[in-house]
Protein backbone atom coordinates (compact mmCIF):
# COMPACT_ATOMS: atom_id res chain seq x y z
CA MET A 1 -30.10 -4.84 -39.60
CA THR A 2 -29.93 -3.97 -35.92
CA THR A 3 -32.75 -4.09 -33.50
CA THR A 4 -33.06 -1.87 -30.51
CA THR A 5 -35.10 -2.64 -27.49
CA LYS A 6 -36.63 0.18 -25.57
CA LYS A 7 -36.46 -0.20 -21.85
CA SER A 8 -39.32 0.94 -19.74
CA ALA A 9 -38.77 3.76 -17.27
CA HIS A 10 -39.07 1.24 -14.42
CA GLU A 11 -36.30 -0.97 -15.84
CA THR A 12 -34.05 2.07 -16.31
CA GLU A 13 -34.70 3.22 -12.75
CA ASP A 14 -33.87 -0.26 -11.44
CA GLY A 15 -30.59 -0.24 -13.38
CA VAL A 16 -29.62 3.15 -11.99
CA SER A 17 -30.69 2.07 -8.53
CA ASP A 18 -28.51 -1.05 -8.79
CA LEU A 19 -25.53 1.01 -9.94
CA LEU A 20 -25.96 3.46 -7.07
CA HIS A 21 -26.34 0.62 -4.58
CA ASP A 22 -23.15 -1.04 -5.86
CA ALA A 23 -21.28 2.28 -5.72
CA GLY A 24 -22.48 2.80 -2.15
CA ASP A 25 -21.27 -0.68 -1.18
CA ARG A 26 -17.83 0.04 -2.69
CA ILE A 27 -17.61 3.35 -0.82
CA VAL A 28 -18.47 1.66 2.49
CA ALA A 29 -15.86 -1.05 1.85
CA LEU A 30 -13.24 1.59 1.02
CA LYS A 31 -14.10 3.53 4.20
CA ASP A 32 -13.78 0.39 6.33
CA GLU A 33 -10.44 -0.49 4.73
CA SER A 34 -9.16 3.06 5.25
CA LEU A 35 -10.16 3.07 8.91
CA THR A 36 -8.41 -0.25 9.46
CA THR A 37 -5.23 1.01 7.80
CA LEU A 38 -5.34 4.29 9.73
CA GLY A 39 -5.82 2.42 13.00
CA LYS A 40 -2.77 0.27 12.31
CA GLN A 41 -0.67 3.34 11.47
CA ILE A 42 -1.76 5.11 14.66
CA ASP A 43 -0.84 2.02 16.70
CA GLU A 44 2.62 1.95 15.08
CA LEU A 45 3.11 5.65 15.79
CA GLY A 46 2.16 5.09 19.42
CA LYS A 47 4.71 2.27 19.71
CA THR A 48 7.42 4.47 18.19
CA MET A 49 6.58 7.32 20.56
CA LYS A 50 6.83 4.96 23.56
CA LYS A 51 10.24 3.75 22.36
CA HIS A 52 11.57 7.29 21.86
CA PRO A 53 9.65 9.67 24.16
CA ALA A 54 12.25 12.47 24.15
CA LEU A 55 12.33 12.51 20.36
CA ALA A 56 8.52 12.57 20.23
CA ILE A 57 8.41 15.53 22.63
CA GLY A 58 11.07 17.37 20.62
CA ILE A 59 9.20 16.85 17.36
CA GLY A 60 5.96 18.02 18.97
CA LEU A 61 7.58 21.15 20.36
CA GLY A 62 9.29 21.93 17.06
CA ALA A 63 6.09 21.47 15.06
CA GLY A 64 4.18 23.62 17.55
CA TYR A 65 6.78 26.39 17.34
CA ILE A 66 6.72 26.42 13.54
CA LEU A 67 2.93 26.37 13.46
CA ALA A 68 2.76 29.27 15.97
CA ARG A 69 5.20 31.30 13.84
CA ILE A 70 3.09 30.69 10.73
CA ILE A 71 -0.18 31.60 12.42
CA HIS A 72 1.08 34.72 14.21
CA ARG A 73 2.87 36.35 11.30
CA SER A 74 2.54 40.10 11.46
């Protein structure tokens, strides 16, 4: 024989509220971690560009040319 306990609407709302609060906390933590990782990657890219400025300019010009060709297709 099994017994079931009915939860009041208030207890159910509190449970959902707790779940949403926990999910929100996880999302904020993920956002903070992502921003930290992105910042580190941008710093590394900047260092690489300073080491090889001609290569960085060439890549930028090449990417710009290809993007212009894609956008201005007739």
